[in-house]
Amino acid sequence: MEWQPDEQGLQQVLLLLKDSQSPDTATQRAVQEKLEQLNQFPDFNNYLIFVLTSLKSEDEPTRSLSGLILKNNVKAHYQNFPPAVADFIKRECLNNIGDPSPLIRATIGGRLKLLVCSLLL
């Protein structure tokens, strides 16, 4: 069975992504702290790839930002990802490399290409 997000968890991740685009320093600091907390849960990365590849109703900057955060998480923590999380990320990246949005294609093809290659090794 394919991974599906919990609706409440998804809404929390979306709110965090929206807040991270705020110019307010205090908001940015709070977002950074929350990201550090969420990185303790490998499932968080499933939410990020889901936003990037499956939430076509979200604005492109938010979707792309989720890909950037995911890339940073993979660079820092991929050795700790459970196999199911790594497999889900790889599969979603490969299945969505042709997204209709140029920004999302660039995010998947550029930022995440090396990431997927490292996960394939």
PDB file of N, CA and C in Angstrom:
ATOM      1  N   MET A   1       0.827  -1.185   0.000  1.00  0.00           N
ATOM      2  CA  MET A   1       0.000   0.000   0.000  1.00  0.00           C
ATOM      3  C   MET A   1       0.871   1.249   0.000  1.00  0.00           C
ATOM      4  N   GLU A   2       0.557   2.185  -0.862  1.00  0.00           N
ATOM      5  CA  GLU A   2       1.307   3.428  -1.005  1.00  0.00           C
ATOM      6  C   GLU A   2       1.102   4.325   0.219  1.00  0.00           C
ATOM      7  N   TRP A   3       2.162   5.004   0.629  1.00  0.00           N
ATOM      8  CA  TRP A   3       2.087   5.906   1.772  1.00  0.00           C
ATOM      9  C   TRP A   3       1.113   7.041   1.474  1.00  0.00           C
ATOM     10  N   GLN A   4       0.305   7.393   2.450  1.00  0.00           N
ATOM     11  CA  GLN A   4      -0.620   8.515   2.355  1.00  0.00           C
ATOM     12  C   GLN A   4      -0.459   9.378   3.604  1.00  0.00           C
ATOM     13  N   PRO A   5      -0.499  10.696   3.438  1.00  0.00           N
ATOM     14  CA  PRO A   5      -0.317  11.564   4.607  1.00  0.00           C
ATOM     15  C   PRO A   5      -1.557  11.604   5.488  1.00  0.00           C
ATOM     16  N   ASP A   6      -1.323  11.830   6.747  1.00  0.00           N
ATOM     17  CA  ASP A   6      -2.393  12.150   7.685  1.00  0.00           C
ATOM     18  C   ASP A   6      -2.799  13.591   7.392  1.00  0.00           C
ATOM     19  N   GLU A   7      -4.090  13.862   7.277  1.00  0.00           N
ATOM     20  CA  GLU A   7      -4.555  15.197   6.883  1.00  0.00           C
ATOM     21  C   GLU A   7      -4.103  16.277   7.858  1.00  0.00           C
ATOM     22  N   GLN A   8      -4.166  15.996   9.148  1.00  0.00           N
ATOM     23  CA  GLN A   8      -3.735  16.987  10.139  1.00  0.00           C
ATOM     24  C   GLN A   8      -2.233  17.246  10.016  1.00  0.00           C
ATOM     25  N   GLY A   9      -1.458  16.189   9.863  1.00  0.00           N
ATOM     26  CA  GLY A   9      -0.016  16.350   9.686  1.00  0.00           C
ATOM     27  C   GLY A   9       0.310  17.129   8.419  1.00  0.00           C
ATOM     28  N   LEU A  10      -0.422  16.850   7.347  1.00  0.00           N
ATOM     29  CA  LEU A  10      -0.209  17.557   6.090  1.00  0.00           C
ATOM     30  C   LEU A  10      -0.494  19.047   6.248  1.00  0.00           C
ATOM     31  N   GLN A  11      -1.571  19.376   6.939  1.00  0.00           N
ATOM     32  CA  GLN A  11      -1.904  20.784   7.149  1.00  0.00           C
ATOM     33  C   GLN A  11      -0.828  21.483   7.986  1.00  0.00           C
ATOM     34  N   GLN A  12      -0.259  20.782   8.949  1.00  0.00           N
ATOM     35  CA  GLN A  12       0.815  21.362   9.767  1.00  0.00           C
ATOM     36  C   GLN A  12       2.058  21.633   8.923  1.00  0.00           C
ATOM     37  N   VAL A  13       2.395  20.688   8.042  1.00  0.00           N
ATOM     38  CA  VAL A  13       3.559  20.870   7.166  1.00  0.00           C
ATOM     39  C   VAL A  13       3.314  22.036   6.218  1.00  0.00           C
ATOM     40  N   LEU A  14       2.113  22.120   5.646  1.00  0.00           N
ATOM     41  CA  LEU A  14       1.804  23.234   4.738  1.00  0.00           C
ATOM     42  C   LEU A  14       1.894  24.577   5.455  1.00  0.00           C
ATOM     43  N   LEU A  15       1.387  24.645   6.682  1.00  0.00           N
ATOM     44  CA  LEU A  15       1.472  25.877   7.450  1.00  0.00           C
ATOM     45  C   LEU A  15       2.935  26.246   7.712  1.00  0.00           C
ATOM     46  N   LEU A  16       3.740  25.267   8.036  1.00  0.00           N
ATOM     47  CA  LEU A  16       5.164  25.497   8.268  1.00  0.00           C
ATOM     48  C   LEU A  16       5.840  26.032   6.999  1.00  0.00           C
ATOM     49  N   LEU A  17       5.511  25.439   5.853  1.00  0.00           N
ATOM     50  CA  LEU A  17       6.089  25.892   4.586  1.00  0.00           C
ATOM     51  C   LEU A  17       5.666  27.324   4.279  1.00  0.00           C
ATOM     52  N   LYS A  18       4.418  27.650   4.539  1.00  0.00           N
ATOM     53  CA  LYS A  18       3.931  29.020   4.310  1.00  0.00           C
ATOM     54  C   LYS A  18       4.624  29.990   5.267  1.00  0.00           C
ATOM     55  N   ASP A  19       4.728  29.601   6.543  1.00  0.00           N
ATOM     56  CA  ASP A  19       5.384  30.457   7.529  1.00  0.00           C
ATOM     57  C   ASP A  19       6.858  30.681   7.181  1.00  0.00           C
ATOM     58  N   SER A  20       7.491  29.696   6.596  1.00  0.00           N
ATOM     59  CA  SER A  20       8.916  29.816   6.281  1.00  0.00           C
ATOM     60  C   SER A  20       9.180  30.876   5.213  1.00  0.00           C
ATOM     61  N   GLN A  21       8.137  31.284   4.515  1.00  0.00           N
ATOM     62  CA  GLN A  21       8.282  32.316   3.490  1.00  0.00           C
ATOM     63  C   GLN A  21       8.073  33.724   4.050  1.00  0.00           C
ATOM     64  N   SER A  22       7.853  33.821   5.354  1.00  0.00           N
ATOM     65  CA  SER A  22       7.643  35.111   6.013  1.00  0.00           C
ATOM     66  C   SER A  22       8.971  35.857   6.134  1.00  0.00           C
ATOM     67  N   PRO A  23       8.953  37.176   5.963  1.00  0.00           N
ATOM     68  CA  PRO A  23      10.190  37.946   6.147  1.00  0.00           C
ATOM     69  C   PRO A  23      10.511  38.221   7.620  1.00  0.00           C
ATOM     70  N   ASP A  24       9.589  37.893   8.525  1.00  0.00           N
ATOM     71  CA  ASP A  24       9.760  38.170   9.952  1.00  0.00           C
ATOM     72  C   ASP A  24      10.816  37.248  10.570  1.00  0.00           C
ATOM     73  N   THR A  25      11.795  37.828  11.227  1.00  0.00           N
ATOM     74  CA  THR A  25      12.905  37.064  11.814  1.00  0.00           C
ATOM     75  C   THR A  25      12.435  36.093  12.893  1.00  0.00           C
ATOM     76  N   ALA A  26      11.522  36.523  13.740  1.00  0.00           N
ATOM     77  CA  ALA A  26      11.020  35.649  14.810  1.00  0.00           C
ATOM     78  C   ALA A  26      10.286  34.453  14.215  1.00  0.00           C
ATOM     79  N   THR A  27       9.516  34.686  13.163  1.00  0.00           N
ATOM     80  CA  THR A  27       8.807  33.586  12.495  1.00  0.00           C
ATOM     81  C   THR A  27       9.813  32.626  11.874  1.00  0.00           C
ATOM     82  N   GLN A  28      10.840  33.167  11.243  1.00  0.00           N
ATOM     83  CA  GLN A  28      11.882  32.326  10.639  1.00  0.00           C
ATOM     84  C   GLN A  28      12.579  31.464  11.695  1.00  0.00           C
ATOM     85  N   ARG A  29      12.851  32.045  12.838  1.00  0.00           N
ATOM     86  CA  ARG A  29      13.500  31.308  13.924  1.00  0.00           C
ATOM     87  C   ARG A  29      12.595  30.172  14.417  1.00  0.00           C
ATOM     88  N   ALA A  30      11.314  30.474  14.573  1.00  0.00           N
ATOM     89  CA  ALA A  30      10.354  29.454  15.020  1.00  0.00           C
ATOM     90  C   ALA A  30      10.234  28.339  13.993  1.00  0.00           C
ATOM     91  N   VAL A  31      10.241  28.682  12.715  1.00  0.00           N
ATOM     92  CA  VAL A  31      10.183  27.678  11.653  1.00  0.00           C
ATOM     93  C   VAL A  31      11.415  26.783  11.706  1.00  0.00           C
ATOM     94  N   GLN A  32      12.581  27.377  11.882  1.00  0.00           N
ATOM     95  CA  GLN A  32      13.817  26.601  11.947  1.00  0.00           C
ATOM     96  C   GLN A  32      13.790  25.620  13.117  1.00  0.00           C
ATOM     97  N   GLU A  33      13.311  26.061  14.257  1.00  0.00           N
ATOM     98  CA  GLU A  33      13.205  25.177  15.421  1.00  0.00           C
ATOM     99  C   GLU A  33      12.244  24.027  15.145  1.00  0.00           C
ATOM    100  N   LYS A  34      11.116  24.340  14.529  1.00  0.00           N
ATOM    101  CA  LYS A  34      10.128  23.305  14.211  1.00  0.00           C
ATOM    102  C   LYS A  34      10.693  22.308  13.198  1.00  0.00           C
ATOM    103  N   LEU A  35      11.433  22.807  12.204  1.00  0.00           N
ATOM    104  CA  LEU A  35      12.063  21.907  11.229  1.00  0.00           C
ATOM    105  C   LEU A  35      13.039  20.954  11.915  1.00  0.00           C
ATOM    106  N   GLU A  36      13.805  21.462  12.846  1.00  0.00           N
ATOM    107  CA  GLU A  36      14.747  20.617  13.576  1.00  0.00           C
ATOM    108  C   GLU A  36      14.006  19.539  14.370  1.00  0.00           C
ATOM    109  N   GLN A  37      12.876  19.891  14.951  1.00  0.00           N
ATOM    110  CA  GLN A  37      12.066  18.909  15.677  1.00  0.00           C
ATOM    111  C   GLN A  37      11.500  17.859  14.717  1.00  0.00           C
ATOM    112  N   LEU A  38      10.960  18.326  13.610  1.00  0.00           N
ATOM    113  CA  LEU A  38      10.331  17.402  12.659  1.00  0.00           C
ATOM    114  C   LEU A  38      11.345  16.465  12.002  1.00  0.00           C
ATOM    115  N   ASN A  39      12.580  16.907  11.898  1.00  0.00           N
ATOM    116  CA  ASN A  39      13.607  16.050  11.294  1.00  0.00           C
ATOM    117  C   ASN A  39      13.917  14.827  12.144  1.00  0.00           C
ATOM    118  N   GLN A  40      13.405  14.791  13.355  1.00  0.00           N
ATOM    119  CA  GLN A  40      13.555  13.603  14.189  1.00  0.00           C
ATOM    120  C   GLN A  40      12.637  12.480  13.724  1.00  0.00           C
ATOM    121  N   PHE A  41      11.684  12.814  12.858  1.00  0.00           N
ATOM    122  CA  PHE A  41      10.704  11.853  12.355  1.00  0.00           C
ATOM    123  C   PHE A  41      10.923  11.631  10.862  1.00  0.00           C
ATOM    124  N   PRO A  42      11.452  10.469  10.467  1.00  0.00           N
ATOM    125  CA  PRO A  42      11.702  10.219   9.042  1.00  0.00           C
ATOM    126  C   PRO A  42      10.459  10.401   8.166  1.00  0.00           C
ATOM    127  N   ASP A  43       9.298  10.167   8.745  1.00  0.00           N
ATOM    128  CA  ASP A  43       8.038  10.316   8.011  1.00  0.00           C
ATOM    129  C   ASP A  43       7.852  11.757   7.503  1.00  0.00           C
ATOM    130  N   PHE A  44       8.474  12.717   8.158  1.00  0.00           N
ATOM    131  CA  PHE A  44       8.396  14.112   7.737  1.00  0.00           C
ATOM    132  C   PHE A  44       8.835  14.261   6.282  1.00  0.00           C
ATOM    133  N   ASN A  45       9.827  13.499   5.884  1.00  0.00           N
ATOM    134  CA  ASN A  45      10.329  13.576   4.510  1.00  0.00           C
ATOM    135  C   ASN A  45       9.302  13.058   3.510  1.00  0.00           C
ATOM    136  N   ASN A  46       8.477  12.121   3.921  1.00  0.00           N
ATOM    137  CA  ASN A  46       7.385  11.672   3.054  1.00  0.00           C
ATOM    138  C   ASN A  46       6.401  12.813   2.806  1.00  0.00           C
ATOM    139  N   TYR A  47       6.134  13.589   3.844  1.00  0.00           N
ATOM    140  CA  TYR A  47       5.242  14.735   3.682  1.00  0.00           C
ATOM    141  C   TYR A  47       5.840  15.741   2.701  1.00  0.00           C
ATOM    142  N   LEU A  48       7.147  15.984   2.822  1.00  0.00           N
ATOM    143  CA  LEU A  48       7.792  16.943   1.928  1.00  0.00           C
ATOM    144  C   LEU A  48       7.722  16.498   0.469  1.00  0.00           C
ATOM    145  N   ILE A  49       8.019  15.238   0.200  1.00  0.00           N
ATOM    146  CA  ILE A  49       7.959  14.769  -1.183  1.00  0.00           C
ATOM    147  C   ILE A  49       6.522  14.746  -1.672  1.00  0.00           C
ATOM    148  N   PHE A  50       5.587  14.468  -0.789  1.00  0.00           N
ATOM    149  CA  PHE A  50       4.168  14.476  -1.162  1.00  0.00           C
ATOM    150  C   PHE A  50       3.739  15.886  -1.577  1.00  0.00           C
ATOM    151  N   VAL A  51       4.131  16.891  -0.805  1.00  0.00           N
ATOM    152  CA  VAL A  51       3.791  18.273  -1.163  1.00  0.00           C
ATOM    153  C   VAL A  51       4.413  18.626  -2.510  1.00  0.00           C
ATOM    154  N   LEU A  52       5.669  18.281  -2.696  1.00  0.00           N
ATOM    155  CA  LEU A  52       6.370  18.596  -3.935  1.00  0.00           C
ATOM    156  C   LEU A  52       5.731  17.938  -5.154  1.00  0.00           C
ATOM    157  N   THR A  53       5.403  16.673  -5.039  1.00  0.00           N
ATOM    158  CA  THR A  53       5.000  15.919  -6.232  1.00  0.00           C
ATOM    159  C   THR A  53       3.504  15.716  -6.386  1.00  0.00           C
ATOM    160  N   SER A  54       2.749  15.767  -5.321  1.00  0.00           N
ATOM    161  CA  SER A  54       1.332  15.385  -5.409  1.00  0.00           C
ATOM    162  C   SER A  54       0.341  16.513  -5.154  1.00  0.00           C
ATOM    163  N   LEU A  55       0.760  17.569  -4.492  1.00  0.00           N
ATOM    164  CA  LEU A  55      -0.188  18.646  -4.167  1.00  0.00           C
ATOM    165  C   LEU A  55      -0.156  19.726  -5.251  1.00  0.00           C
ATOM    166  N   LYS A  56      -0.656  19.376  -6.402  1.00  0.00           N
ATOM    167  CA  LYS A  56      -0.632  20.285  -7.549  1.00  0.00           C
ATOM    168  C   LYS A  56      -1.503  21.518  -7.309  1.00  0.00           C
ATOM    169  N   SER A  57      -2.405  21.469  -6.317  1.00  0.00           N
ATOM    170  CA  SER A  57      -3.249  22.621  -5.997  1.00  0.00           C
ATOM    171  C   SER A  57      -2.493  23.679  -5.195  1.00  0.00           C
ATOM    172  N   GLU A  58      -1.350  23.311  -4.619  1.00  0.00           N
ATOM    173  CA  GLU A  58      -0.546  24.278  -3.861  1.00  0.00           C
ATOM    174  C   GLU A  58       0.244  25.162  -4.826  1.00  0.00           C
ATOM    175  N   ASP A  59       0.598  26.362  -4.359  1.00  0.00           N
ATOM    176  CA  ASP A  59       1.378  27.248  -5.214  1.00  0.00           C
ATOM    177  C   ASP A  59       2.779  26.668  -5.430  1.00  0.00           C
ATOM    178  N   GLU A  60       3.351  26.981  -6.569  1.00  0.00           N
ATOM    179  CA  GLU A  60       4.638  26.402  -6.952  1.00  0.00           C
ATOM    180  C   GLU A  60       5.781  26.767  -6.002  1.00  0.00           C
ATOM    181  N   PRO A  61       5.861  28.008  -5.510  1.00  0.00           N
ATOM    182  CA  PRO A  61       6.946  28.292  -4.562  1.00  0.00           C
ATOM    183  C   PRO A  61       6.898  27.423  -3.302  1.00  0.00           C
ATOM    184  N   THR A  62       5.706  27.144  -2.803  1.00  0.00           N
ATOM    185  CA  THR A  62       5.576  26.282  -1.625  1.00  0.00           C
ATOM    186  C   THR A  62       5.999  24.862  -1.963  1.00  0.00           C
ATOM    187  N   ARG A  63       5.563  24.364  -3.109  1.00  0.00           N
ATOM    188  CA  ARG A  63       5.954  23.010  -3.529  1.00  0.00           C
ATOM    189  C   ARG A  63       7.471  22.929  -3.712  1.00  0.00           C
ATOM    190  N   SER A  64       8.044  23.931  -4.358  1.00  0.00           N
ATOM    191  CA  SER A  64       9.485  23.931  -4.588  1.00  0.00           C
ATOM    192  C   SER A  64      10.266  24.024  -3.277  1.00  0.00           C
ATOM    193  N   LEU A  65       9.775  24.837  -2.355  1.00  0.00           N
ATOM    194  CA  LEU A  65      10.418  24.960  -1.046  1.00  0.00           C
ATOM    195  C   LEU A  65      10.439  23.616  -0.322  1.00  0.00           C
ATOM    196  N   SER A  66       9.363  22.851  -0.439  1.00  0.00           N
ATOM    197  CA  SER A  66       9.359  21.528   0.202  1.00  0.00           C
ATOM    198  C   SER A  66      10.465  20.658  -0.393  1.00  0.00           C
ATOM    199  N   GLY A  67      10.714  20.798  -1.693  1.00  0.00           N
ATOM    200  CA  GLY A  67      11.808  20.057  -2.329  1.00  0.00           C
ATOM    201  C   GLY A  67      13.172  20.501  -1.842  1.00  0.00           C
ATOM    202  N   LEU A  68      13.342  21.794  -1.620  1.00  0.00           N
ATOM    203  CA  LEU A  68      14.612  22.305  -1.110  1.00  0.00           C
ATOM    204  C   LEU A  68      14.868  21.796   0.302  1.00  0.00           C
ATOM    205  N   ILE A  69      13.850  21.829   1.147  1.00  0.00           N
ATOM    206  CA  ILE A  69      14.000  21.321   2.517  1.00  0.00           C
ATOM    207  C   ILE A  69      14.297  19.824   2.474  1.00  0.00           C
ATOM    208  N   LEU A  70      13.604  19.115   1.592  1.00  0.00           N
ATOM    209  CA  LEU A  70      13.850  17.678   1.455  1.00  0.00           C
ATOM    210  C   LEU A  70      15.288  17.409   1.029  1.00  0.00           C
ATOM    211  N   LYS A  71      15.769  18.170   0.054  1.00  0.00           N
ATOM    212  CA  LYS A  71      17.150  17.992  -0.402  1.00  0.00           C
ATOM    213  C   LYS A  71      18.121  18.164   0.759  1.00  0.00           C
ATOM    214  N   ASN A  72      17.914  19.204   1.558  1.00  0.00           N
ATOM    215  CA  ASN A  72      18.792  19.439   2.705  1.00  0.00           C
ATOM    216  C   ASN A  72      18.698  18.309   3.723  1.00  0.00           C
ATOM    217  N   ASN A  73      17.487  17.800   3.936  1.00  0.00           N
ATOM    218  CA  ASN A  73      17.312  16.682   4.869  1.00  0.00           C
ATOM    219  C   ASN A  73      18.027  15.440   4.376  1.00  0.00           C
ATOM    220  N   VAL A  74      17.914  15.174   3.098  1.00  0.00           N
ATOM    221  CA  VAL A  74      18.563  13.979   2.549  1.00  0.00           C
ATOM    222  C   VAL A  74      20.075  14.118   2.651  1.00  0.00           C
ATOM    223  N   LYS A  75      20.586  15.293   2.324  1.00  0.00           N
ATOM    224  CA  LYS A  75      22.033  15.491   2.420  1.00  0.00           C
ATOM    225  C   LYS A  75      22.536  15.270   3.841  1.00  0.00           C
ATOM    226  N   ALA A  76      21.751  15.690   4.809  1.00  0.00           N
ATOM    227  CA  ALA A  76      22.182  15.612   6.205  1.00  0.00           C
ATOM    228  C   ALA A  76      21.839  14.296   6.890  1.00  0.00           C
ATOM    229  N   HIS A  77      20.743  13.633   6.461  1.00  0.00           N
ATOM    230  CA  HIS A  77      20.225  12.522   7.259  1.00  0.00           C
ATOM    231  C   HIS A  77      19.882  11.249   6.476  1.00  0.00           C
ATOM    232  N   TYR A  78      20.165  11.182   5.187  1.00  0.00           N
ATOM    233  CA  TYR A  78      19.624  10.048   4.421  1.00  0.00           C
ATOM    234  C   TYR A  78      20.117   8.697   4.925  1.00  0.00           C
ATOM    235  N   GLN A  79      21.277   8.659   5.519  1.00  0.00           N
ATOM    236  CA  GLN A  79      21.786   7.383   6.030  1.00  0.00           C
ATOM    237  C   GLN A  79      20.922   6.850   7.167  1.00  0.00           C
ATOM    238  N   ASN A  80      20.114   7.732   7.769  1.00  0.00           N
ATOM    239  CA  ASN A  80      19.230   7.325   8.859  1.00  0.00           C
ATOM    240  C   ASN A  80      17.799   7.054   8.403  1.00  0.00           C
ATOM    241  N   PHE A  81      17.516   7.267   7.107  1.00  0.00           N
ATOM    242  CA  PHE A  81      16.164   7.053   6.614  1.00  0.00           C
ATOM    243  C   PHE A  81      15.843   5.565   6.590  1.00  0.00           C
ATOM    244  N   PRO A  82      14.667   5.193   7.054  1.00  0.00           N
ATOM    245  CA  PRO A  82      14.239   3.801   6.867  1.00  0.00           C
ATOM    246  C   PRO A  82      14.133   3.514   5.369  1.00  0.00           C
ATOM    247  N   PRO A  83      14.364   2.272   4.948  1.00  0.00           N
ATOM    248  CA  PRO A  83      14.285   1.942   3.521  1.00  0.00           C
ATOM    249  C   PRO A  83      12.964   2.356   2.867  1.00  0.00           C
ATOM    250  N   ALA A  84      11.862   2.240   3.585  1.00  0.00           N
ATOM    251  CA  ALA A  84      10.565   2.604   2.994  1.00  0.00           C
ATOM    252  C   ALA A  84      10.505   4.091   2.659  1.00  0.00           C
ATOM    253  N   VAL A  85      11.103   4.941   3.482  1.00  0.00           N
ATOM    254  CA  VAL A  85      11.115   6.380   3.223  1.00  0.00           C
ATOM    255  C   VAL A  85      11.997   6.683   2.016  1.00  0.00           C
ATOM    256  N   ALA A  86      13.196   6.102   1.991  1.00  0.00           N
ATOM    257  CA  ALA A  86      14.095   6.319   0.853  1.00  0.00           C
ATOM    258  C   ALA A  86      13.456   5.837  -0.443  1.00  0.00           C
ATOM    259  N   ASP A  87      12.818   4.695  -0.409  1.00  0.00           N
ATOM    260  CA  ASP A  87      12.161   4.152  -1.608  1.00  0.00           C
ATOM    261  C   ASP A  87      11.023   5.052  -2.071  1.00  0.00           C
ATOM    262  N   PHE A  88      10.240   5.561  -1.136  1.00  0.00           N
ATOM    263  CA  PHE A  88       9.125   6.444  -1.489  1.00  0.00           C
ATOM    264  C   PHE A  88       9.642   7.723  -2.146  1.00  0.00           C
ATOM    265  N   ILE A  89      10.690   8.310  -1.593  1.00  0.00           N
ATOM    266  CA  ILE A  89      11.271   9.521  -2.171  1.00  0.00           C
ATOM    267  C   ILE A  89      11.794   9.250  -3.577  1.00  0.00           C
ATOM    268  N   LYS A  90      12.543   8.177  -3.745  1.00  0.00           N
ATOM    269  CA  LYS A  90      13.078   7.842  -5.074  1.00  0.00           C
ATOM    270  C   LYS A  90      11.961   7.661  -6.084  1.00  0.00           C
ATOM    271  N   ARG A  91      10.970   6.894  -5.710  1.00  0.00           N
ATOM    272  CA  ARG A  91       9.861   6.591  -6.618  1.00  0.00           C
ATOM    273  C   ARG A  91       9.115   7.866  -7.017  1.00  0.00           C
ATOM    274  N   GLU A  92       8.826   8.715  -6.035  1.00  0.00           N
ATOM    275  CA  GLU A  92       8.097   9.941  -6.326  1.00  0.00           C
ATOM    276  C   GLU A  92       8.912  10.889  -7.208  1.00  0.00           C
ATOM    277  N   CYS A  93      10.200  10.997  -6.954  1.00  0.00           N
ATOM    278  CA  CYS A  93      11.044  11.847  -7.801  1.00  0.00           C
ATOM    279  C   CYS A  93      11.050  11.333  -9.239  1.00  0.00           C
ATOM    280  N   LEU A  94      11.276  10.056  -9.391  1.00  0.00           N
ATOM    281  CA  LEU A  94      11.351   9.487 -10.735  1.00  0.00           C
ATOM    282  C   LEU A  94      10.011   9.570 -11.460  1.00  0.00           C
ATOM    283  N   ASN A  95       8.916   9.389 -10.743  1.00  0.00           N
ATOM    284  CA  ASN A  95       7.588   9.443 -11.362  1.00  0.00           C
ATOM    285  C   ASN A  95       7.161  10.864 -11.726  1.00  0.00           C
ATOM    286  N   ASN A  96       7.816  11.868 -11.155  1.00  0.00           N
ATOM    287  CA  ASN A  96       7.373  13.240 -11.365  1.00  0.00           C
ATOM    288  C   ASN A  96       8.420  14.131 -12.025  1.00  0.00           C
ATOM    289  N   ILE A  97       9.426  13.532 -12.610  1.00  0.00           N
ATOM    290  CA  ILE A  97      10.486  14.295 -13.267  1.00  0.00           C
ATOM    291  C   ILE A  97       9.938  15.129 -14.432  1.00  0.00           C
ATOM    292  N   GLY A  98       8.776  14.745 -14.966  1.00  0.00           N
ATOM    293  CA  GLY A  98       8.159  15.468 -16.074  1.00  0.00           C
ATOM    294  C   GLY A  98       7.001  16.346 -15.650  1.00  0.00           C
ATOM    295  N   ASP A  99       6.994  16.838 -14.421  1.00  0.00           N
ATOM    296  CA  ASP A  99       5.912  17.703 -13.945  1.00  0.00           C
ATOM    297  C   ASP A  99       5.687  18.854 -14.928  1.00  0.00           C
ATOM    298  N   PRO A 100       4.424  19.252 -15.131  1.00  0.00           N
ATOM    299  CA  PRO A 100       4.150  20.337 -16.076  1.00  0.00           C
ATOM    300  C   PRO A 100       4.777  21.688 -15.690  1.00  0.00           C
ATOM    301  N   SER A 101       5.044  21.885 -14.414  1.00  0.00           N
ATOM    302  CA  SER A 101       5.612  23.153 -13.958  1.00  0.00           C
ATOM    303  C   SER A 101       7.132  23.182 -14.157  1.00  0.00           C
ATOM    304  N   PRO A 102       7.653  24.205 -14.852  1.00  0.00           N
ATOM    305  CA  PRO A 102       9.116  24.311 -15.002  1.00  0.00           C
ATOM    306  C   PRO A 102       9.842  24.426 -13.658  1.00  0.00           C
ATOM    307  N   LEU A 103       9.256  25.128 -12.690  1.00  0.00           N
ATOM    308  CA  LEU A 103       9.895  25.268 -11.383  1.00  0.00           C
ATOM    309  C   LEU A 103       9.973  23.924 -10.666  1.00  0.00           C
ATOM    310  N   ILE A 104       8.907  23.153 -10.722  1.00  0.00           N
ATOM    311  CA  ILE A 104       8.900  21.849 -10.055  1.00  0.00           C
ATOM    312  C   ILE A 104       9.835  20.890 -10.779  1.00  0.00           C
ATOM    313  N   ARG A 105       9.842  20.924 -12.112  1.00  0.00           N
ATOM    314  CA  ARG A 105      10.787  20.088 -12.872  1.00  0.00           C
ATOM    315  C   ARG A 105      12.217  20.435 -12.496  1.00  0.00           C
ATOM    316  N   ALA A 106      12.507  21.730 -12.369  1.00  0.00           N
ATOM    317  CA  ALA A 106      13.858  22.153 -11.991  1.00  0.00           C
ATOM    318  C   ALA A 106      14.202  21.688 -10.585  1.00  0.00           C
ATOM    319  N   THR A 107      13.226  21.753  -9.692  1.00  0.00           N
ATOM    320  CA  THR A 107      13.456  21.309  -8.316  1.00  0.00           C
ATOM    321  C   THR A 107      13.747  19.810  -8.291  1.00  0.00           C
ATOM    322  N   ILE A 108      12.928  19.047  -8.971  1.00  0.00           N
ATOM    323  CA  ILE A 108      13.118  17.590  -8.989  1.00  0.00           C
ATOM    324  C   ILE A 108      14.355  17.230  -9.802  1.00  0.00           C
ATOM    325  N   GLY A 109      14.492  17.819 -10.969  1.00  0.00           N
ATOM    326  CA  GLY A 109      15.585  17.466 -11.867  1.00  0.00           C
ATOM    327  C   GLY A 109      16.920  18.019 -11.444  1.00  0.00           C
ATOM    328  N   GLY A 110      16.928  19.198 -10.825  1.00  0.00           N
ATOM    329  CA  GLY A 110      18.187  19.810 -10.430  1.00  0.00           C
ATOM    330  C   GLY A 110      18.552  19.513  -9.001  1.00  0.00           C
ATOM    331  N   ARG A 111      17.725  20.006  -8.100  1.00  0.00           N
ATOM    332  CA  ARG A 111      18.044  19.883  -6.684  1.00  0.00           C
ATOM    333  C   ARG A 111      17.992  18.446  -6.199  1.00  0.00           C
ATOM    334  N   LEU A 112      17.043  17.686  -6.720  1.00  0.00           N
ATOM    335  CA  LEU A 112      16.861  16.339  -6.188  1.00  0.00           C
ATOM    336  C   LEU A 112      17.523  15.254  -7.024  1.00  0.00           C
ATOM    337  N   LYS A 113      18.026  15.615  -8.208  1.00  0.00           N
ATOM    338  CA  LYS A 113      18.636  14.601  -9.065  1.00  0.00           C
ATOM    339  C   LYS A 113      19.818  13.928  -8.368  1.00  0.00           C
ATOM    340  N   LEU A 114      20.714  14.719  -7.829  1.00  0.00           N
ATOM    341  CA  LEU A 114      21.861  14.148  -7.134  1.00  0.00           C
ATOM    342  C   LEU A 114      21.429  13.358  -5.908  1.00  0.00           C
ATOM    343  N   LEU A 115      20.405  13.867  -5.266  1.00  0.00           N
ATOM    344  CA  LEU A 115      19.862  13.193  -4.095  1.00  0.00           C
ATOM    345  C   LEU A 115      19.355  11.791  -4.460  1.00  0.00           C
ATOM    346  N   VAL A 116      18.578  11.707  -5.514  1.00  0.00           N
ATOM    347  CA  VAL A 116      18.034  10.415  -5.931  1.00  0.00           C
ATOM    348  C   VAL A 116      19.170   9.480  -6.332  1.00  0.00           C
ATOM    349  N   CYS A 117      20.155  10.023  -7.044  1.00  0.00           N
ATOM    350  CA  CYS A 117      21.298   9.191  -7.430  1.00  0.00           C
ATOM    351  C   CYS A 117      22.026   8.654  -6.208  1.00  0.00           C
ATOM    352  N   SER A 118      22.183   9.498  -5.189  1.00  0.00           N
ATOM    353  CA  SER A 118      22.861   9.021  -3.979  1.00  0.00           C
ATOM    354  C   SER A 118      22.033   7.972  -3.264  1.00  0.00           C
ATOM    355  N   LEU A 119      20.720   8.089  -3.331  1.00  0.00           N
ATOM    356  CA  LEU A 119      19.855   7.092  -2.694  1.00  0.00           C
ATOM    357  C   LEU A 119      19.855   5.775  -3.466  1.00  0.00           C
ATOM    358  N   LEU A 120      20.133   5.845  -4.761  1.00  0.00           N
ATOM    359  CA  LEU A 120      20.140   4.623  -5.562  1.00  0.00           C
ATOM    360  C   LEU A 120      21.379   3.780  -5.303  1.00  0.00           C
ATOM    361  N   LEU A 121      22.423   4.416  -4.803  1.00  0.00           N
ATOM    362  CA  LEU A 121      23.692   3.698  -4.553  1.00  0.00           C
ATOM    363  C   LEU A 121      23.586   2.805  -3.340  1.00  0.00           C
TER     364      LEU A 121
END
